[in-house]
Amino acid sequence: MAPTVVLLHGFATSTERTWREPGWFDLLKEASRRARGIDLLGHGEAAKPHEPERYDDLAGPVVQQMPVHAADVVGYSLGARVALEIAITHPDRVNRLVLGGVGRNLVTARDGSLDDHTARHFDLLMDAEGNDPHALRACLSRPRPPFTAEQLAQVRAPTLLVIGDQDFAGPPEPLAELLPDASSRVLPGIDHFGLPKQFEFIDAALEHIDAIPSWD
């Protein structure tokens, strides 16, 4: 039986918004694949504590909800960071890995600055209907140091990075070059926030995890 596909959304969004609305679940069903979306702490249907220290470990609650057997894991933005943490600390739980909307930002120290457009977009996301801004700001306040070469060398899963060429998190090469088995795809004209609904991202991810739907 093919592995379950675990889907991890980005910051200030949810399984519903990042994956179900753009059609990922429908396509995976057409490919006869089981899909499991897991909301990160502070997001979607998950608990929403307001204490920043509660967000020290976002990966732990996700691992508890993952299948016992190795899954194909697709993560976007914050969800990609969490997916990578799981691939490092629990390599036996990840079969194949797709990381969207990440690259250089995961291996270089963050100076905390974003351009005005990006910062405004994050503010709008945090204040969107159904979100708890206090929980999201607590999540955002926790330090997330860059991954080291030693950590990334522990990843065993074949990894695909997909990112837009207008994404502040790129380019992908500084991260891809530190992973033992990684390839990358850069989508022209795409920014960080538009990535999950791009057909090129969906097609590349489904191909990487061998989940192309059969229309016969």
N, C-alpha and C. Protein backbone atom coordinates (compact mmCIF):
# COMPACT_ATOMS: atom_id res chain seq x y z
N MET A 1 0.84 -1.19 0.00
CA MET A 1 0.00 0.00 0.00
C MET A 1 0.88 1.25 0.00
N ALA A 2 0.50 2.24 -0.80
CA ALA A 2 1.29 3.47 -0.89
C ALA A 2 1.25 4.23 0.43
N PRO A 3 2.31 4.96 0.74
CA PRO A 3 2.33 5.71 2.00
C PRO A 3 1.24 6.77 2.07
N THR A 4 0.78 7.03 3.28
CA THR A 4 -0.10 8.17 3.52
C THR A 4 0.65 9.46 3.19
N VAL A 5 -0.07 10.44 2.68
CA VAL A 5 0.52 11.76 2.40
C VAL A 5 0.12 12.70 3.53
N VAL A 6 1.09 13.20 4.26
CA VAL A 6 0.86 14.15 5.34
C VAL A 6 1.11 15.56 4.81
N LEU A 7 0.15 16.46 5.02
CA LEU A 7 0.21 17.82 4.52
C LEU A 7 0.31 18.80 5.68
N LEU A 8 1.34 19.64 5.66
CA LEU A 8 1.58 20.61 6.74
C LEU A 8 1.54 22.02 6.16
N HIS A 9 0.63 22.82 6.66
CA HIS A 9 0.35 24.15 6.12
C HIS A 9 1.35 25.19 6.62
N GLY A 10 1.17 26.41 6.13
CA GLY A 10 2.05 27.51 6.50
C GLY A 10 1.55 28.32 7.69
N PHE A 11 2.33 29.33 8.05
CA PHE A 11 2.00 30.20 9.18
C PHE A 11 0.72 30.98 8.91
N ALA A 12 -0.13 31.05 9.95
CA ALA A 12 -1.37 31.84 9.94
C ALA A 12 -2.38 31.33 8.92
N THR A 13 -2.27 30.06 8.54
CA THR A 13 -3.27 29.46 7.67
C THR A 13 -3.65 28.11 8.27
N SER A 14 -4.09 27.17 7.47
CA SER A 14 -4.61 25.91 8.02
C SER A 14 -4.61 24.85 6.93
N THR A 15 -4.92 23.63 7.34
CA THR A 15 -5.10 22.55 6.36
C THR A 15 -6.15 22.92 5.34
N GLU A 16 -7.27 23.46 5.83
CA GLU A 16 -8.38 23.80 4.94
C GLU A 16 -7.96 24.80 3.88
N ARG A 17 -7.28 25.86 4.29
CA ARG A 17 -6.96 26.94 3.36
C ARG A 17 -5.80 26.60 2.44
N THR A 18 -4.78 25.96 3.01
CA THR A 18 -3.58 25.69 2.21
C THR A 18 -3.75 24.51 1.28
N TRP A 19 -4.46 23.48 1.71
CA TRP A 19 -4.48 22.23 0.95
C TRP A 19 -5.85 21.86 0.39
N ARG A 20 -6.90 21.93 1.23
CA ARG A 20 -8.19 21.44 0.75
C ARG A 20 -8.80 22.39 -0.30
N GLU A 21 -8.78 23.70 -0.02
CA GLU A 21 -9.40 24.64 -0.96
C GLU A 21 -8.73 24.64 -2.34
N PRO A 22 -7.40 24.56 -2.44
CA PRO A 22 -6.77 24.51 -3.78
C PRO A 22 -6.90 23.17 -4.49
N GLY A 23 -7.46 22.15 -3.82
CA GLY A 23 -7.72 20.89 -4.50
C GLY A 23 -6.73 19.77 -4.27
N TRP A 24 -5.78 19.93 -3.36
CA TRP A 24 -4.79 18.88 -3.11
C TRP A 24 -5.45 17.57 -2.67
N PHE A 25 -6.42 17.65 -1.79
CA PHE A 25 -7.07 16.42 -1.31
C PHE A 25 -7.80 15.71 -2.43
N ASP A 26 -8.47 16.46 -3.29
CA ASP A 26 -9.19 15.85 -4.40
C ASP A 26 -8.23 15.13 -5.35
N LEU A 27 -7.11 15.76 -5.64
CA LEU A 27 -6.14 15.15 -6.55
C LEU A 27 -5.52 13.90 -5.95
N LEU A 28 -5.22 13.96 -4.67
CA LEU A 28 -4.65 12.77 -4.02
C LEU A 28 -5.67 11.63 -3.98
N LYS A 29 -6.93 11.95 -3.79
CA LYS A 29 -7.96 10.92 -3.83
C LYS A 29 -8.03 10.30 -5.21
N GLU A 30 -7.92 11.13 -6.26
CA GLU A 30 -7.94 10.60 -7.63
C GLU A 30 -6.75 9.69 -7.89
N ALA A 31 -5.67 9.91 -7.16
CA ALA A 31 -4.48 9.07 -7.28
C ALA A 31 -4.52 7.87 -6.34
N SER A 32 -5.68 7.68 -5.68
CA SER A 32 -5.86 6.57 -4.73
C SER A 32 -4.88 6.64 -3.57
N ARG A 33 -4.60 7.87 -3.13
CA ARG A 33 -3.70 8.06 -1.99
C ARG A 33 -4.47 8.61 -0.80
N ARG A 34 -4.14 8.11 0.35
CA ARG A 34 -4.71 8.63 1.60
C ARG A 34 -3.96 9.91 1.97
N ALA A 35 -4.71 10.93 2.35
CA ALA A 35 -4.11 12.20 2.74
C ALA A 35 -4.53 12.56 4.15
N ARG A 36 -3.60 13.12 4.90
CA ARG A 36 -3.88 13.55 6.26
C ARG A 36 -3.29 14.95 6.45
N GLY A 37 -4.15 15.93 6.60
CA GLY A 37 -3.69 17.28 6.91
C GLY A 37 -3.64 17.47 8.42
N ILE A 38 -2.56 18.01 8.90
CA ILE A 38 -2.39 18.21 10.35
C ILE A 38 -2.20 19.70 10.60
N ASP A 39 -3.10 20.27 11.40
CA ASP A 39 -2.97 21.68 11.76
C ASP A 39 -1.90 21.86 12.82
N LEU A 40 -1.01 22.81 12.60
CA LEU A 40 0.04 23.10 13.56
C LEU A 40 -0.54 23.79 14.79
N LEU A 41 0.14 23.65 15.91
CA LEU A 41 -0.27 24.30 17.14
C LEU A 41 -0.50 25.80 16.89
N GLY A 42 -1.63 26.31 17.38
CA GLY A 42 -1.96 27.71 17.19
C GLY A 42 -2.73 28.01 15.92
N HIS A 43 -3.01 26.99 15.12
CA HIS A 43 -3.61 27.17 13.80
C HIS A 43 -4.81 26.24 13.61
N GLY A 44 -5.72 26.65 12.73
CA GLY A 44 -6.80 25.77 12.31
C GLY A 44 -7.59 25.20 13.46
N GLU A 45 -7.68 23.85 13.49
CA GLU A 45 -8.44 23.15 14.51
C GLU A 45 -7.58 22.75 15.71
N ALA A 46 -6.29 23.09 15.68
CA ALA A 46 -5.40 22.73 16.79
C ALA A 46 -5.61 23.68 17.97
N ALA A 47 -5.05 23.30 19.12
CA ALA A 47 -5.09 24.18 20.30
C ALA A 47 -4.38 25.49 19.99
N LYS A 48 -4.79 26.55 20.68
CA LYS A 48 -4.23 27.89 20.40
C LYS A 48 -3.77 28.56 21.70
N PRO A 49 -2.71 28.04 22.32
CA PRO A 49 -2.20 28.68 23.54
C PRO A 49 -1.61 30.05 23.23
N HIS A 50 -1.59 30.91 24.24
CA HIS A 50 -1.06 32.26 24.08
C HIS A 50 0.34 32.41 24.66
N GLU A 51 0.88 31.36 25.29
CA GLU A 51 2.20 31.43 25.91
C GLU A 51 3.26 31.07 24.87
N PRO A 52 4.20 31.97 24.59
CA PRO A 52 5.20 31.70 23.56
C PRO A 52 5.97 30.39 23.77
N GLU A 53 6.25 30.04 25.02
CA GLU A 53 7.05 28.83 25.26
C GLU A 53 6.34 27.56 24.82
N ARG A 54 5.01 27.61 24.67
CA ARG A 54 4.28 26.44 24.22
C ARG A 54 4.61 26.08 22.77
N TYR A 55 5.21 27.01 22.06
CA TYR A 55 5.51 26.81 20.64
C TYR A 55 6.96 26.40 20.40
N ASP A 56 7.66 26.04 21.46
CA ASP A 56 9.05 25.61 21.31
C ASP A 56 9.17 24.37 20.43
N ASP A 57 8.18 23.50 20.51
CA ASP A 57 8.22 22.24 19.76
C ASP A 57 6.95 22.11 18.93
N LEU A 58 6.99 22.56 17.70
CA LEU A 58 5.85 22.38 16.81
C LEU A 58 5.81 20.99 16.19
N ALA A 59 6.97 20.37 16.09
CA ALA A 59 7.05 19.07 15.41
C ALA A 59 6.46 17.94 16.25
N GLY A 60 6.65 17.99 17.57
CA GLY A 60 6.21 16.90 18.44
C GLY A 60 4.74 16.55 18.28
N PRO A 61 3.83 17.52 18.37
CA PRO A 61 2.41 17.19 18.20
C PRO A 61 2.08 16.65 16.80
N VAL A 62 2.84 17.07 15.81
CA VAL A 62 2.61 16.56 14.45
C VAL A 62 3.00 15.09 14.38
N VAL A 63 4.15 14.75 14.92
CA VAL A 63 4.61 13.35 14.90
C VAL A 63 3.59 12.44 15.58
N GLN A 64 2.99 12.93 16.66
CA GLN A 64 1.99 12.12 17.37
C GLN A 64 0.78 11.80 16.51
N GLN A 65 0.50 12.65 15.53
CA GLN A 65 -0.68 12.45 14.67
C GLN A 65 -0.33 11.80 13.34
N MET A 66 0.95 11.57 13.08
CA MET A 66 1.35 10.94 11.83
C MET A 66 1.14 9.45 11.87
N PRO A 67 1.02 8.79 10.71
CA PRO A 67 0.92 7.33 10.69
C PRO A 67 2.16 6.69 11.30
N VAL A 68 1.98 5.47 11.79
CA VAL A 68 3.11 4.74 12.38
C VAL A 68 4.16 4.45 11.32
N HIS A 69 3.69 4.08 10.14
CA HIS A 69 4.61 3.78 9.05
C HIS A 69 5.03 5.07 8.33
N ALA A 70 6.15 5.02 7.64
CA ALA A 70 6.69 6.20 6.98
C ALA A 70 5.68 6.80 6.01
N ALA A 71 5.57 8.13 6.06
CA ALA A 71 4.64 8.86 5.21
C ALA A 71 5.40 9.73 4.22
N ASP A 72 4.74 10.05 3.13
CA ASP A 72 5.23 11.12 2.26
C ASP A 72 4.75 12.43 2.88
N VAL A 73 5.66 13.37 3.09
CA VAL A 73 5.31 14.60 3.80
C VAL A 73 5.51 15.79 2.87
N VAL A 74 4.46 16.60 2.75
CA VAL A 74 4.49 17.82 1.96
C VAL A 74 4.27 18.99 2.90
N GLY A 75 5.23 19.90 2.98
CA GLY A 75 5.12 21.05 3.86
C GLY A 75 5.30 22.34 3.10
N TYR A 76 4.58 23.36 3.55
CA TYR A 76 4.69 24.68 2.93
C TYR A 76 5.03 25.71 4.00
N SER A 77 6.05 26.53 3.73
CA SER A 77 6.43 27.64 4.60
C SER A 77 6.74 27.12 6.01
N LEU A 78 6.04 27.57 7.04
CA LEU A 78 6.30 27.06 8.38
C LEU A 78 6.13 25.55 8.43
N GLY A 79 5.15 25.04 7.71
CA GLY A 79 4.95 23.60 7.66
C GLY A 79 6.13 22.87 7.04
N ALA A 80 6.82 23.51 6.09
CA ALA A 80 8.01 22.91 5.51
C ALA A 80 9.13 22.85 6.54
N ARG A 81 9.27 23.88 7.35
CA ARG A 81 10.27 23.85 8.41
C ARG A 81 9.99 22.70 9.38
N VAL A 82 8.72 22.56 9.77
CA VAL A 82 8.35 21.48 10.69
C VAL A 82 8.60 20.12 10.03
N ALA A 83 8.25 19.99 8.75
CA ALA A 83 8.49 18.73 8.05
C ALA A 83 9.97 18.39 8.03
N LEU A 84 10.81 19.39 7.84
CA LEU A 84 12.25 19.15 7.82
C LEU A 84 12.75 18.75 9.21
N GLU A 85 12.23 19.35 10.26
CA GLU A 85 12.59 18.96 11.62
C GLU A 85 12.26 17.49 11.85
N ILE A 86 11.09 17.07 11.37
CA ILE A 86 10.69 15.66 11.55
C ILE A 86 11.60 14.74 10.75
N ALA A 87 11.96 15.15 9.54
CA ALA A 87 12.85 14.32 8.71
C ALA A 87 14.23 14.18 9.35
N ILE A 88 14.63 15.16 10.16
CA ILE A 88 15.92 15.11 10.85
C ILE A 88 15.83 14.24 12.10
N THR A 89 14.80 14.47 12.91
CA THR A 89 14.72 13.81 14.21
C THR A 89 14.02 12.45 14.16
N HIS A 90 13.19 12.23 13.15
CA HIS A 90 12.48 10.95 13.00
C HIS A 90 12.59 10.49 11.55
N PRO A 91 13.79 10.22 11.06
CA PRO A 91 13.95 9.89 9.64
C PRO A 91 13.18 8.65 9.21
N ASP A 92 12.88 7.77 10.15
CA ASP A 92 12.13 6.56 9.82
C ASP A 92 10.65 6.84 9.56
N ARG A 93 10.19 8.06 9.86
CA ARG A 93 8.77 8.39 9.69
C ARG A 93 8.50 9.12 8.37
N VAL A 94 9.56 9.41 7.60
CA VAL A 94 9.39 10.18 6.37
C VAL A 94 9.93 9.37 5.19
N ASN A 95 9.07 9.09 4.23
CA ASN A 95 9.46 8.35 3.04
C ASN A 95 10.02 9.28 1.97
N ARG A 96 9.20 10.22 1.53
CA ARG A 96 9.63 11.26 0.60
C ARG A 96 9.18 12.60 1.15
N LEU A 97 9.89 13.66 0.75
CA LEU A 97 9.70 14.97 1.36
C LEU A 97 9.58 16.03 0.28
N VAL A 98 8.55 16.87 0.40
CA VAL A 98 8.39 18.03 -0.47
C VAL A 98 8.35 19.28 0.41
N LEU A 99 9.21 20.24 0.12
CA LEU A 99 9.29 21.47 0.89
C LEU A 99 8.96 22.64 -0.03
N GLY A 100 7.89 23.36 0.27
CA GLY A 100 7.48 24.49 -0.55
C GLY A 100 7.68 25.81 0.18
N GLY A 101 8.17 26.81 -0.54
CA GLY A 101 8.29 28.15 0.02
C GLY A 101 9.40 28.32 1.03
N VAL A 102 10.44 27.49 0.92
CA VAL A 102 11.60 27.63 1.80
C VAL A 102 12.87 27.44 0.97
N GLY A 103 13.96 27.93 1.51
CA GLY A 103 15.26 27.82 0.85
C GLY A 103 16.32 28.42 1.74
N ARG A 104 16.90 29.48 1.26
CA ARG A 104 17.97 30.14 2.01
C ARG A 104 17.54 30.52 3.42
N ASN A 105 16.27 30.87 3.61
CA ASN A 105 15.80 31.33 4.92
C ASN A 105 15.97 30.30 6.02
N LEU A 106 16.07 29.02 5.67
CA LEU A 106 16.21 27.98 6.70
C LEU A 106 17.65 27.69 7.09
N VAL A 107 18.60 28.24 6.36
CA VAL A 107 20.01 27.94 6.67
C VAL A 107 20.84 29.19 6.93
N THR A 108 20.21 30.35 6.91
CA THR A 108 20.92 31.58 7.24
C THR A 108 20.20 32.28 8.38
N ALA A 109 20.97 33.00 9.19
CA ALA A 109 20.39 33.71 10.33
C ALA A 109 19.42 34.77 9.85
N ARG A 110 18.27 34.83 10.47
CA ARG A 110 17.24 35.79 10.08
C ARG A 110 17.47 37.10 10.81
N ASP A 111 17.41 38.20 10.06
CA ASP A 111 17.58 39.51 10.71
C ASP A 111 16.27 40.09 11.20
N GLY A 112 15.16 39.36 10.96
CA GLY A 112 13.87 39.78 11.46
C GLY A 112 13.14 40.78 10.59
N SER A 113 13.76 41.25 9.52
CA SER A 113 13.13 42.27 8.69
C SER A 113 12.47 41.65 7.47
N LEU A 114 11.28 42.18 7.13
CA LEU A 114 10.57 41.81 5.92
C LEU A 114 10.20 43.09 5.20
N ASP A 115 10.07 43.03 3.88
CA ASP A 115 9.63 44.22 3.17
C ASP A 115 8.20 44.55 3.58
N ASP A 116 7.78 45.79 3.33
CA ASP A 116 6.49 46.27 3.82
C ASP A 116 5.33 45.43 3.28
N HIS A 117 5.39 45.05 2.01
CA HIS A 117 4.31 44.26 1.42
C HIS A 117 4.17 42.92 2.12
N THR A 118 5.28 42.24 2.35
CA THR A 118 5.25 40.93 2.99
C THR A 118 4.76 41.06 4.44
N ALA A 119 5.27 42.05 5.15
CA ALA A 119 4.86 42.25 6.54
C ALA A 119 3.36 42.52 6.63
N ARG A 120 2.83 43.35 5.73
CA ARG A 120 1.39 43.63 5.74
C ARG A 120 0.58 42.37 5.45
N HIS A 121 1.08 41.54 4.53
CA HIS A 121 0.36 40.32 4.19
C HIS A 121 0.30 39.39 5.40
N PHE A 122 1.39 39.25 6.13
CA PHE A 122 1.37 38.42 7.34
C PHE A 122 0.41 38.99 8.38
N ASP A 123 0.37 40.31 8.52
CA ASP A 123 -0.56 40.93 9.46
C ASP A 123 -2.00 40.62 9.08
N LEU A 124 -2.31 40.71 7.79
CA LEU A 124 -3.66 40.40 7.33
C LEU A 124 -4.01 38.93 7.58
N LEU A 125 -3.05 38.05 7.36
CA LEU A 125 -3.29 36.63 7.61
C LEU A 125 -3.60 36.38 9.08
N MET A 126 -2.84 37.00 9.97
CA MET A 126 -3.05 36.77 11.40
C MET A 126 -4.42 37.26 11.86
N ASP A 127 -4.92 38.31 11.22
CA ASP A 127 -6.21 38.88 11.60
C ASP A 127 -7.37 38.29 10.81
N ALA A 128 -7.11 37.30 9.96
CA ALA A 128 -8.17 36.72 9.14
C ALA A 128 -9.19 35.99 10.00
N GLU A 129 -10.38 35.87 9.46
CA GLU A 129 -11.47 35.19 10.17
C GLU A 129 -11.07 33.77 10.56
N GLY A 130 -11.34 33.42 11.81
CA GLY A 130 -11.03 32.08 12.30
C GLY A 130 -9.68 31.96 12.95
N ASN A 131 -8.82 32.98 12.78
CA ASN A 131 -7.50 32.95 13.40
C ASN A 131 -7.54 33.59 14.78
N ASP A 132 -6.60 33.20 15.61
CA ASP A 132 -6.41 33.80 16.93
C ASP A 132 -5.10 34.59 16.87
N PRO A 133 -5.16 35.91 16.68
CA PRO A 133 -3.93 36.69 16.51
C PRO A 133 -2.97 36.57 17.69
N HIS A 134 -3.49 36.44 18.90
CA HIS A 134 -2.62 36.34 20.07
C HIS A 134 -1.82 35.03 20.03
N ALA A 135 -2.49 33.95 19.64
CA ALA A 135 -1.79 32.67 19.52
C ALA A 135 -0.76 32.72 18.41
N LEU A 136 -1.11 33.32 17.29
CA LEU A 136 -0.19 33.38 16.16
C LEU A 136 1.02 34.25 16.47
N ARG A 137 0.82 35.35 17.18
CA ARG A 137 1.96 36.19 17.53
C ARG A 137 2.85 35.48 18.55
N ALA A 138 2.27 34.68 19.42
CA ALA A 138 3.07 33.88 20.34
C ALA A 138 3.90 32.86 19.57
N CYS A 139 3.29 32.24 18.57
CA CYS A 139 4.02 31.28 17.72
C CYS A 139 5.15 31.98 16.98
N LEU A 140 4.87 33.15 16.45
CA LEU A 140 5.84 33.89 15.65
C LEU A 140 7.02 34.38 16.49
N SER A 141 6.79 34.60 17.78
CA SER A 141 7.83 35.19 18.63
C SER A 141 8.92 34.21 19.03
N ARG A 142 8.67 32.93 18.86
CA ARG A 142 9.66 31.95 19.29
C ARG A 142 10.85 31.91 18.34
N PRO A 143 12.08 31.88 18.85
CA PRO A 143 13.26 31.84 17.97
C PRO A 143 13.33 30.53 17.20
N ARG A 144 13.71 30.64 15.93
CA ARG A 144 13.89 29.45 15.09
C ARG A 144 15.25 29.57 14.42
N PRO A 145 16.27 29.02 15.06
CA PRO A 145 17.62 29.14 14.50
C PRO A 145 17.74 28.40 13.18
N PRO A 146 18.68 28.80 12.35
CA PRO A 146 18.87 28.10 11.08
C PRO A 146 19.32 26.66 11.29
N PHE A 147 18.98 25.81 10.36
CA PHE A 147 19.45 24.43 10.39
C PHE A 147 20.93 24.40 10.07
N THR A 148 21.64 23.50 10.72
CA THR A 148 23.07 23.36 10.47
C THR A 148 23.31 22.26 9.43
N ALA A 149 24.51 22.26 8.86
CA ALA A 149 24.87 21.22 7.90
C ALA A 149 24.81 19.84 8.54
N GLU A 150 25.20 19.76 9.81
CA GLU A 150 25.18 18.47 10.52
C GLU A 150 23.75 17.96 10.68
N GLN A 151 22.83 18.85 10.99
CA GLN A 151 21.44 18.45 11.11
C GLN A 151 20.88 17.97 9.77
N LEU A 152 21.12 18.73 8.75
CA LEU A 152 20.55 18.41 7.44
C LEU A 152 21.14 17.13 6.87
N ALA A 153 22.34 16.79 7.26
CA ALA A 153 22.95 15.54 6.79
C ALA A 153 22.21 14.31 7.31
N GLN A 154 21.34 14.49 8.32
CA GLN A 154 20.59 13.36 8.88
C GLN A 154 19.35 13.00 8.06
N VAL A 155 18.98 13.87 7.12
CA VAL A 155 17.77 13.63 6.33
C VAL A 155 18.02 12.51 5.33
N ARG A 156 17.21 11.47 5.39
CA ARG A 156 17.36 10.34 4.48
C ARG A 156 16.36 10.39 3.33
N ALA A 157 15.29 11.11 3.48
CA ALA A 157 14.23 11.11 2.48
C ALA A 157 14.64 11.90 1.24
N PRO A 158 14.40 11.36 0.05
CA PRO A 158 14.56 12.16 -1.16
C PRO A 158 13.68 13.39 -1.08
N THR A 159 14.26 14.55 -1.35
CA THR A 159 13.59 15.82 -1.08
C THR A 159 13.47 16.67 -2.32
N LEU A 160 12.31 17.27 -2.50
CA LEU A 160 12.08 18.24 -3.57
C LEU A 160 11.77 19.59 -2.94
N LEU A 161 12.48 20.62 -3.37
CA LEU A 161 12.19 21.99 -2.97
C LEU A 161 11.52 22.70 -4.13
N VAL A 162 10.40 23.38 -3.84
CA VAL A 162 9.70 24.17 -4.85
C VAL A 162 9.47 25.56 -4.27
N ILE A 163 9.85 26.58 -5.04
CA ILE A 163 9.75 27.95 -4.56
C ILE A 163 9.61 28.89 -5.75
N GLY A 164 8.91 30.00 -5.54
CA GLY A 164 8.78 31.00 -6.59
C GLY A 164 9.99 31.91 -6.63
N ASP A 165 10.28 32.45 -7.80
CA ASP A 165 11.45 33.32 -7.90
C ASP A 165 11.21 34.69 -7.28
N GLN A 166 9.97 34.98 -6.86
CA GLN A 166 9.66 36.23 -6.16
C GLN A 166 9.52 36.00 -4.65
N ASP A 167 9.90 34.85 -4.17
CA ASP A 167 9.73 34.48 -2.76
C ASP A 167 10.89 35.00 -1.93
N PHE A 168 10.57 35.70 -0.84
CA PHE A 168 11.60 36.22 0.06
C PHE A 168 12.42 35.12 0.71
N ALA A 169 11.91 33.88 0.73
CA ALA A 169 12.60 32.78 1.39
C ALA A 169 13.70 32.16 0.54
N GLY A 170 13.75 32.51 -0.74
CA GLY A 170 14.71 31.89 -1.64
C GLY A 170 16.04 32.60 -1.70
N PRO A 171 16.91 32.09 -2.57
CA PRO A 171 16.72 30.97 -3.50
C PRO A 171 16.84 29.63 -2.78
N PRO A 172 16.55 28.52 -3.48
CA PRO A 172 16.55 27.21 -2.81
C PRO A 172 17.92 26.58 -2.66
N GLU A 173 18.90 27.00 -3.47
CA GLU A 173 20.18 26.27 -3.52
C GLU A 173 20.92 26.17 -2.18
N PRO A 174 20.97 27.22 -1.35
CA PRO A 174 21.71 27.08 -0.09
C PRO A 174 21.18 25.95 0.80
N LEU A 175 19.88 25.69 0.73
CA LEU A 175 19.31 24.56 1.48
C LEU A 175 19.50 23.25 0.71
N ALA A 176 19.19 23.25 -0.57
CA ALA A 176 19.28 22.01 -1.35
C ALA A 176 20.68 21.43 -1.33
N GLU A 177 21.68 22.28 -1.36
CA GLU A 177 23.07 21.80 -1.42
C GLU A 177 23.51 21.12 -0.13
N LEU A 178 22.80 21.35 0.96
CA LEU A 178 23.16 20.75 2.25
C LEU A 178 22.38 19.47 2.54
N LEU A 179 21.40 19.16 1.71
CA LEU A 179 20.62 17.94 1.89
C LEU A 179 21.24 16.81 1.08
N PRO A 180 21.27 15.60 1.62
CA PRO A 180 21.94 14.49 0.94
C PRO A 180 21.34 14.12 -0.42
N ASP A 181 20.01 14.27 -0.56
CA ASP A 181 19.35 13.85 -1.81
C ASP A 181 18.23 14.84 -2.10
N ALA A 182 18.58 15.94 -2.76
CA ALA A 182 17.59 17.00 -2.97
C ALA A 182 17.67 17.55 -4.39
N SER A 183 16.51 17.94 -4.89
CA SER A 183 16.42 18.67 -6.15
C SER A 183 15.52 19.87 -5.90
N SER A 184 15.55 20.85 -6.79
CA SER A 184 14.75 22.05 -6.59
C SER A 184 14.10 22.49 -7.88
N ARG A 185 12.97 23.16 -7.73
CA ARG A 185 12.23 23.72 -8.85
C ARG A 185 11.89 25.17 -8.50
N VAL A 186 12.22 26.10 -9.37
CA VAL A 186 11.92 27.51 -9.17
C VAL A 186 10.85 27.92 -10.16
N LEU A 187 9.75 28.50 -9.66
CA LEU A 187 8.64 28.87 -10.51
C LEU A 187 8.69 30.37 -10.80
N PRO A 188 8.78 30.75 -12.06
CA PRO A 188 8.90 32.17 -12.41
C PRO A 188 7.62 32.95 -12.10
N GLY A 189 7.81 34.16 -11.58
CA GLY A 189 6.70 35.07 -11.35
C GLY A 189 5.84 34.76 -10.15
N ILE A 190 6.26 33.81 -9.29
CA ILE A 190 5.45 33.38 -8.16
C ILE A 190 6.07 33.89 -6.86
N ASP A 191 5.22 34.45 -5.97
CA ASP A 191 5.72 34.89 -4.67
C ASP A 191 5.44 33.83 -3.61
N HIS A 192 5.74 34.15 -2.38
CA HIS A 192 5.61 33.18 -1.29
C HIS A 192 4.16 32.74 -1.09
N PHE A 193 3.26 33.70 -1.08
CA PHE A 193 1.89 33.41 -0.64
C PHE A 193 1.05 32.72 -1.70
N GLY A 194 1.40 32.85 -2.95
CA GLY A 194 0.62 32.24 -4.01
C GLY A 194 1.02 30.81 -4.35
N LEU A 195 2.06 30.30 -3.71
CA LEU A 195 2.62 29.01 -4.13
C LEU A 195 1.65 27.83 -4.02
N PRO A 196 0.93 27.64 -2.89
CA PRO A 196 0.16 26.39 -2.74
C PRO A 196 -0.88 26.14 -3.82
N LYS A 197 -1.38 27.19 -4.45
CA LYS A 197 -2.42 26.98 -5.47
C LYS A 197 -1.87 26.94 -6.89
N GLN A 198 -0.55 26.98 -7.04
CA GLN A 198 0.05 26.93 -8.36
C GLN A 198 0.07 25.50 -8.89
N PHE A 199 -0.44 25.33 -10.11
CA PHE A 199 -0.47 23.99 -10.70
C PHE A 199 0.94 23.41 -10.82
N GLU A 200 1.93 24.27 -11.12
CA GLU A 200 3.29 23.77 -11.27
C GLU A 200 3.81 23.17 -9.96
N PHE A 201 3.46 23.78 -8.84
CA PHE A 201 3.84 23.24 -7.54
C PHE A 201 3.13 21.92 -7.28
N ILE A 202 1.83 21.93 -7.51
CA ILE A 202 1.04 20.71 -7.27
C ILE A 202 1.56 19.56 -8.12
N ASP A 203 1.77 19.82 -9.42
CA ASP A 203 2.23 18.75 -10.31
C ASP A 203 3.60 18.22 -9.89
N ALA A 204 4.53 19.14 -9.54
CA ALA A 204 5.87 18.71 -9.16
C ALA A 204 5.84 17.89 -7.88
N ALA A 205 5.02 18.32 -6.92
CA ALA A 205 4.93 17.60 -5.65
C ALA A 205 4.33 16.22 -5.85
N LEU A 206 3.23 16.14 -6.60
CA LEU A 206 2.59 14.85 -6.82
C LEU A 206 3.49 13.90 -7.59
N GLU A 207 4.24 14.42 -8.54
CA GLU A 207 5.18 13.57 -9.27
C GLU A 207 6.27 13.04 -8.34
N HIS A 208 6.77 13.89 -7.45
CA HIS A 208 7.85 13.49 -6.56
C HIS A 208 7.41 12.37 -5.62
N ILE A 209 6.16 12.40 -5.17
CA ILE A 209 5.68 11.36 -4.24
C ILE A 209 4.93 10.26 -4.97
N ASP A 210 5.04 10.24 -6.31
CA ASP A 210 4.41 9.20 -7.12
C ASP A 210 2.89 9.15 -6.88
N ALA A 211 2.25 10.32 -7.00
CA ALA A 211 0.83 10.41 -6.73
C ALA A 211 0.11 11.17 -7.85
N ILE A 212 0.53 10.96 -9.10
CA ILE A 212 -0.15 11.59 -10.22
C ILE A 212 -1.48 10.89 -10.44
N PRO A 213 -2.59 11.63 -10.46
CA PRO A 213 -3.90 10.98 -10.66
C PRO A 213 -3.99 10.27 -12.00
N SER A 214 -4.75 9.20 -12.01
CA SER A 214 -5.04 8.49 -13.24
C SER A 214 -6.44 8.88 -13.68
N TRP A 215 -6.55 9.41 -14.90
CA TRP A 215 -7.86 9.87 -15.38
C TRP A 215 -8.52 8.83 -16.29
N ASP A 216 -7.96 7.64 -16.37
CA ASP A 216 -8.55 6.60 -17.24
C ASP A 216 -9.88 6.09 -16.67
